[in-house]
Amino acid sequence: MKKNIILLFIVIILGVGPLFIQKGAEFGGSDGQAEAAVGKIAPDYKPWFHTLWKPPSGEIESLLFALQAGIGAGFIGYFIGFMRGKNKQ
């Protein structure tokens, strides 16, 4: 139990720490950086794929991403718990 609390505290520090260390910094995603790099290397490049649906706002896009992450984490947690319970029997 004590080890879990220590690990949880470390995870929280790792997640929140950069926000306090780099005040005012923009934490952009790699998609924008990759697009800028490709634009510098090959200015005449045209993407061969376009999104089928673009969310109406950035908040909805973030919500969908968080939902996807939550479902994935739930599945992984269920699978690990199921296998651990199966091994104990």
N, C-alpha and C. Protein backbone atom coordinates (compact mmCIF):
# COMPACT_ATOMS: atom_id res chain seq x y z
N MET A 1 0.82 -1.20 0.00
CA MET A 1 0.00 0.00 0.00
C MET A 1 0.87 1.26 0.00
N LYS A 2 1.90 1.26 0.83
CA LYS A 2 2.78 2.42 0.93
C LYS A 2 3.53 2.63 -0.39
N LYS A 3 3.92 1.53 -1.03
CA LYS A 3 4.63 1.62 -2.31
C LYS A 3 3.72 2.23 -3.38
N ASN A 4 2.43 1.87 -3.37
CA ASN A 4 1.48 2.42 -4.35
C ASN A 4 1.30 3.92 -4.17
N ILE A 5 1.24 4.37 -2.95
CA ILE A 5 1.08 5.80 -2.67
C ILE A 5 2.32 6.56 -3.13
N ILE A 6 3.48 6.01 -2.88
CA ILE A 6 4.72 6.66 -3.32
C ILE A 6 4.77 6.73 -4.85
N LEU A 7 4.40 5.64 -5.51
CA LEU A 7 4.40 5.62 -6.98
C LEU A 7 3.38 6.62 -7.54
N LEU A 8 2.21 6.71 -6.93
CA LEU A 8 1.19 7.67 -7.36
C LEU A 8 1.70 9.10 -7.19
N PHE A 9 2.36 9.37 -6.10
CA PHE A 9 2.93 10.70 -5.85
C PHE A 9 3.98 11.04 -6.92
N ILE A 10 4.82 10.08 -7.27
CA ILE A 10 5.85 10.30 -8.30
C ILE A 10 5.20 10.59 -9.65
N VAL A 11 4.14 9.85 -9.99
CA VAL A 11 3.45 10.08 -11.26
C VAL A 11 2.83 11.47 -11.29
N ILE A 12 2.24 11.90 -10.19
CA ILE A 12 1.65 13.24 -10.13
C ILE A 12 2.73 14.30 -10.30
N ILE A 13 3.86 14.13 -9.64
CA ILE A 13 4.96 15.09 -9.77
C ILE A 13 5.45 15.14 -11.22
N LEU A 14 5.60 13.99 -11.86
CA LEU A 14 6.05 13.96 -13.26
C LEU A 14 5.04 14.61 -14.20
N GLY A 15 3.76 14.50 -13.89
CA GLY A 15 2.74 15.09 -14.75
C GLY A 15 2.56 16.58 -14.54
N VAL A 16 2.66 17.03 -13.30
CA VAL A 16 2.38 18.43 -12.98
C VAL A 16 3.66 19.26 -12.93
N GLY A 17 4.78 18.64 -12.62
CA GLY A 17 6.05 19.35 -12.48
C GLY A 17 6.42 20.24 -13.65
N PRO A 18 6.36 19.75 -14.89
CA PRO A 18 6.74 20.60 -16.03
C PRO A 18 5.89 21.85 -16.16
N LEU A 19 4.65 21.81 -15.69
CA LEU A 19 3.79 23.00 -15.77
C LEU A 19 4.31 24.12 -14.87
N PHE A 20 4.94 23.76 -13.76
CA PHE A 20 5.49 24.77 -12.86
C PHE A 20 6.91 25.16 -13.24
N ILE A 21 7.65 24.24 -13.81
CA ILE A 21 9.04 24.53 -14.20
C ILE A 21 9.08 25.46 -15.41
N GLN A 22 8.23 25.20 -16.39
CA GLN A 22 8.20 25.99 -17.64
C GLN A 22 6.95 26.86 -17.68
N LYS A 23 6.87 27.84 -16.82
CA LYS A 23 5.69 28.70 -16.77
C LYS A 23 5.55 29.48 -18.07
N GLY A 24 4.34 29.48 -18.62
CA GLY A 24 4.05 30.22 -19.84
C GLY A 24 4.48 29.51 -21.12
N ALA A 25 5.03 28.32 -21.01
CA ALA A 25 5.47 27.59 -22.20
C ALA A 25 4.27 26.95 -22.88
N GLU A 26 4.38 26.80 -24.20
CA GLU A 26 3.34 26.11 -24.95
C GLU A 26 3.78 24.66 -25.16
N PHE A 27 2.92 23.75 -24.75
CA PHE A 27 3.22 22.34 -24.92
C PHE A 27 2.44 21.84 -26.13
N GLY A 28 2.95 22.13 -27.31
CA GLY A 28 2.29 21.73 -28.54
C GLY A 28 2.56 20.27 -28.86
N GLY A 29 1.72 19.73 -29.71
CA GLY A 29 1.88 18.34 -30.10
C GLY A 29 2.90 18.16 -31.19
N SER A 30 3.22 16.92 -31.45
CA SER A 30 4.22 16.61 -32.48
C SER A 30 3.66 16.77 -33.88
N ASP A 31 2.34 16.76 -34.03
CA ASP A 31 1.75 16.91 -35.36
C ASP A 31 2.12 18.25 -35.99
N GLY A 32 1.98 19.31 -35.24
CA GLY A 32 2.31 20.63 -35.76
C GLY A 32 3.79 20.78 -36.07
N GLN A 33 4.64 20.20 -35.23
CA GLN A 33 6.08 20.26 -35.46
C GLN A 33 6.46 19.47 -36.70
N ALA A 34 5.84 18.31 -36.89
CA ALA A 34 6.13 17.49 -38.07
C ALA A 34 5.68 18.21 -39.34
N GLU A 35 4.53 18.86 -39.28
CA GLU A 35 4.03 19.59 -40.45
C GLU A 35 4.98 20.73 -40.82
N ALA A 36 5.49 21.43 -39.81
CA ALA A 36 6.43 22.52 -40.07
C ALA A 36 7.74 21.98 -40.65
N ALA A 37 8.21 20.84 -40.14
CA ALA A 37 9.46 20.25 -40.65
C ALA A 37 9.31 19.80 -42.08
N VAL A 38 8.18 19.18 -42.40
CA VAL A 38 7.94 18.75 -43.79
C VAL A 38 7.83 19.96 -44.70
N GLY A 39 7.21 21.02 -44.22
CA GLY A 39 7.10 22.25 -45.02
C GLY A 39 8.45 22.86 -45.34
N LYS A 40 9.41 22.74 -44.41
CA LYS A 40 10.76 23.26 -44.67
C LYS A 40 11.52 22.37 -45.64
N ILE A 41 11.38 21.05 -45.49
CA ILE A 41 12.12 20.13 -46.34
C ILE A 41 11.57 20.10 -47.76
N ALA A 42 10.25 19.99 -47.88
CA ALA A 42 9.62 19.89 -49.21
C ALA A 42 8.43 20.83 -49.26
N PRO A 43 8.65 22.08 -49.64
CA PRO A 43 7.57 23.07 -49.63
C PRO A 43 6.41 22.72 -50.58
N ASP A 44 6.67 21.94 -51.62
CA ASP A 44 5.61 21.62 -52.59
C ASP A 44 4.90 20.30 -52.26
N TYR A 45 5.15 19.75 -51.09
CA TYR A 45 4.52 18.48 -50.69
C TYR A 45 3.02 18.67 -50.49
N LYS A 46 2.24 17.73 -51.02
CA LYS A 46 0.79 17.75 -50.82
C LYS A 46 0.40 16.47 -50.07
N PRO A 47 -0.34 16.60 -48.97
CA PRO A 47 -0.75 15.41 -48.23
C PRO A 47 -1.59 14.48 -49.09
N TRP A 48 -1.41 13.19 -48.91
CA TRP A 48 -2.15 12.21 -49.70
C TRP A 48 -3.40 11.74 -48.99
N PHE A 49 -3.64 12.21 -47.76
CA PHE A 49 -4.82 11.82 -47.00
C PHE A 49 -5.35 13.02 -46.25
N HIS A 50 -6.65 13.15 -46.22
CA HIS A 50 -7.30 14.22 -45.45
C HIS A 50 -8.27 13.59 -44.46
N THR A 51 -8.48 14.25 -43.34
CA THR A 51 -9.38 13.70 -42.32
C THR A 51 -10.80 13.59 -42.87
N LEU A 52 -11.50 12.57 -42.41
CA LEU A 52 -12.88 12.37 -42.84
C LEU A 52 -13.82 13.30 -42.09
N TRP A 53 -13.48 13.60 -40.83
CA TRP A 53 -14.32 14.47 -40.01
C TRP A 53 -13.43 15.27 -39.08
N LYS A 54 -13.65 16.57 -39.04
CA LYS A 54 -12.89 17.42 -38.13
C LYS A 54 -13.82 17.86 -37.01
N PRO A 55 -13.41 17.64 -35.75
CA PRO A 55 -14.27 18.07 -34.64
C PRO A 55 -14.53 19.57 -34.70
N PRO A 56 -15.73 19.98 -34.26
CA PRO A 56 -16.09 21.40 -34.36
C PRO A 56 -15.23 22.35 -33.53
N SER A 57 -14.59 21.83 -32.48
CA SER A 57 -13.75 22.71 -31.65
C SER A 57 -12.61 21.92 -31.04
N GLY A 58 -11.64 22.65 -30.52
CA GLY A 58 -10.50 22.01 -29.87
C GLY A 58 -10.89 21.28 -28.60
N GLU A 59 -11.94 21.79 -27.92
CA GLU A 59 -12.39 21.14 -26.69
C GLU A 59 -12.96 19.76 -26.98
N ILE A 60 -13.72 19.64 -28.06
CA ILE A 60 -14.29 18.34 -28.43
C ILE A 60 -13.19 17.39 -28.87
N GLU A 61 -12.21 17.92 -29.58
CA GLU A 61 -11.07 17.09 -29.98
C GLU A 61 -10.33 16.57 -28.74
N SER A 62 -10.13 17.42 -27.74
CA SER A 62 -9.48 17.00 -26.50
C SER A 62 -10.34 15.98 -25.76
N LEU A 63 -11.66 16.20 -25.75
CA LEU A 63 -12.57 15.26 -25.11
C LEU A 63 -12.48 13.89 -25.75
N LEU A 64 -12.50 13.83 -27.08
CA LEU A 64 -12.41 12.56 -27.77
C LEU A 64 -11.08 11.86 -27.51
N PHE A 65 -10.01 12.64 -27.46
CA PHE A 65 -8.70 12.07 -27.17
C PHE A 65 -8.66 11.50 -25.75
N ALA A 66 -9.20 12.25 -24.79
CA ALA A 66 -9.23 11.78 -23.40
C ALA A 66 -10.13 10.55 -23.27
N LEU A 67 -11.24 10.53 -23.99
CA LEU A 67 -12.12 9.37 -23.97
C LEU A 67 -11.41 8.14 -24.52
N GLN A 68 -10.71 8.32 -25.62
CA GLN A 68 -9.94 7.23 -26.21
C GLN A 68 -8.88 6.72 -25.23
N ALA A 69 -8.18 7.62 -24.58
CA ALA A 69 -7.15 7.23 -23.61
C ALA A 69 -7.79 6.51 -22.42
N GLY A 70 -8.94 6.98 -21.95
CA GLY A 70 -9.62 6.35 -20.83
C GLY A 70 -10.10 4.94 -21.16
N ILE A 71 -10.65 4.77 -22.35
CA ILE A 71 -11.09 3.43 -22.76
C ILE A 71 -9.90 2.49 -22.87
N GLY A 72 -8.82 2.97 -23.44
CA GLY A 72 -7.61 2.15 -23.57
C GLY A 72 -7.05 1.77 -22.21
N ALA A 73 -6.99 2.74 -21.29
CA ALA A 73 -6.47 2.46 -19.95
C ALA A 73 -7.39 1.50 -19.21
N GLY A 74 -8.70 1.65 -19.39
CA GLY A 74 -9.65 0.73 -18.76
C GLY A 74 -9.48 -0.68 -19.27
N PHE A 75 -9.30 -0.83 -20.57
CA PHE A 75 -9.11 -2.15 -21.16
C PHE A 75 -7.82 -2.79 -20.64
N ILE A 76 -6.75 -2.02 -20.62
CA ILE A 76 -5.47 -2.56 -20.13
C ILE A 76 -5.57 -2.94 -18.66
N GLY A 77 -6.20 -2.07 -17.84
CA GLY A 77 -6.37 -2.38 -16.43
C GLY A 77 -7.23 -3.62 -16.21
N TYR A 78 -8.31 -3.75 -16.98
CA TYR A 78 -9.16 -4.92 -16.87
C TYR A 78 -8.39 -6.18 -17.25
N PHE A 79 -7.63 -6.12 -18.33
CA PHE A 79 -6.89 -7.28 -18.80
C PHE A 79 -5.84 -7.71 -17.78
N ILE A 80 -5.10 -6.75 -17.23
CA ILE A 80 -4.08 -7.08 -16.23
C ILE A 80 -4.74 -7.67 -14.98
N GLY A 81 -5.84 -7.08 -14.52
CA GLY A 81 -6.55 -7.61 -13.37
C GLY A 81 -7.13 -8.98 -13.62
N PHE A 82 -7.68 -9.18 -14.81
CA PHE A 82 -8.23 -10.49 -15.16
C PHE A 82 -7.15 -11.56 -15.17
N MET A 83 -6.01 -11.24 -15.79
CA MET A 83 -4.92 -12.23 -15.85
C MET A 83 -4.33 -12.49 -14.47
N ARG A 84 -4.26 -11.48 -13.65
CA ARG A 84 -3.73 -11.67 -12.30
C ARG A 84 -4.67 -12.54 -11.48
N GLY A 85 -5.97 -12.30 -11.59
CA GLY A 85 -6.95 -13.13 -10.89
C GLY A 85 -6.95 -14.56 -11.41
N LYS A 86 -6.78 -14.71 -12.69
CA LYS A 86 -6.75 -16.04 -13.30
C LYS A 86 -5.53 -16.82 -12.81
N ASN A 87 -4.40 -16.14 -12.68
CA ASN A 87 -3.17 -16.80 -12.22
C ASN A 87 -3.24 -17.17 -10.73
N LYS A 88 -4.00 -16.42 -9.93
CA LYS A 88 -4.11 -16.71 -8.49
C LYS A 88 -4.96 -17.94 -8.23
N GLN A 89 -5.87 -18.27 -9.15
CA GLN A 89 -6.77 -19.41 -8.93
C GLN A 89 -6.10 -20.71 -9.10
